[in-house]
Amino acid sequence: MVNEQRRTTHRSTRKARTRVRTAAAAGLAGTLTIVGLATAQAGQEEKPRPAKSEAKGASPLLDVDYKDGSLNSGIPGLTTTHAKAKDASYTVKSGDDHAIAHKVTLGDPDYVSDGAPRSESATNDVPEGKIEVGDKHRYEFDVLLKDWKTYESGDSDTGDIFFQGKHAGGNKPSFYLMTKRNSIAFRSPLLNLQATVVDDFTSHVNKWMSFRVDVSWTKDKTGYYKISTKMPGESGFTLRKTYENVQTFHPENPTDFGYIKWGLYRPDESIENGDVPTRVIYHDNIRIEDLS
């Protein structure tokens, strides 16, 4: 009964919070102190920025654009990295404003968070960023692989996760996007689903790529995942893979909500395995829309 009341309250207040989100962020932008490293200058490779797109009939819930240069983009409750290294997360100049950078160095405990080498941001404490059964959401974001060492024959073939739809309570994710050798793959690990959505990103290193994941969040096999991409030079999104009639809300342990995470998570990598010691990734324009 408590969970049902909480869900009802959340749904009735979410739209009201969304309406005040823009005004609140604008007020905070003038007063927030930038956390972490001083803003770094981004290279010429980060321009031009991809144009934002809006789906017909979609209602914006959350827009994390880092315009104010702070680690939480002026959004109260937005979780920033738990890694202790000062440069595990920092903002960079990008186009007319800023983006967020996450860095992980293998073998260094200051880049370990929750027992694994990672540095991530998350919406677990942002009401508009939470996931509940029955939601239909669009997740859209830009990502740049900063000075990314590409795969060569003989290298370790483990991958780097850079975006997750996560079940709360320590559960495994519903889905994630990851680099795999020189490709980018979508995975739903508990459903044993995997699809390559970018065949070869090597020509796009240090350039902004855009991704879109549409999800109908269900506890039965009526849900869907739809994954689209927009590569540098492309004018619009291209649908790469659809999974229909799947159970998308499927935590192993009980939980009544989920959330999204972005950054860099390197769960299966180590110096001993010959993996690249340090990786850096940029994210920007993380957007959640209601497709209901």
Foldseek 3Di string as FASTA:
>chain_A
DVVVVVVVVLVVCQVVCQVCVVVQLVVQLVPDDAAFDDAAEADPQLPDPADDDDDVQWAFRDWQFCQSQHQQSSAPFKAWWPQQDRVQKGWYDHDNGIWIKGKWFFPDSSQDDPHFRWTKIWCPRPSSFKFFAQFKKKKKWKKAFEVDDAADPPADFAKKWFKFWQFPDPFHTLWTWIQTRQFIWIDRVVVGDIDTQGPGCPVQHSYMKMKMWIWNAHQFQAIKIWIWIAGPPRNDIDTRDMDGRHHRPDTPDDDGMTGMMGHIGRGPDHVVSRHDRMTMMIMRGTIMITND
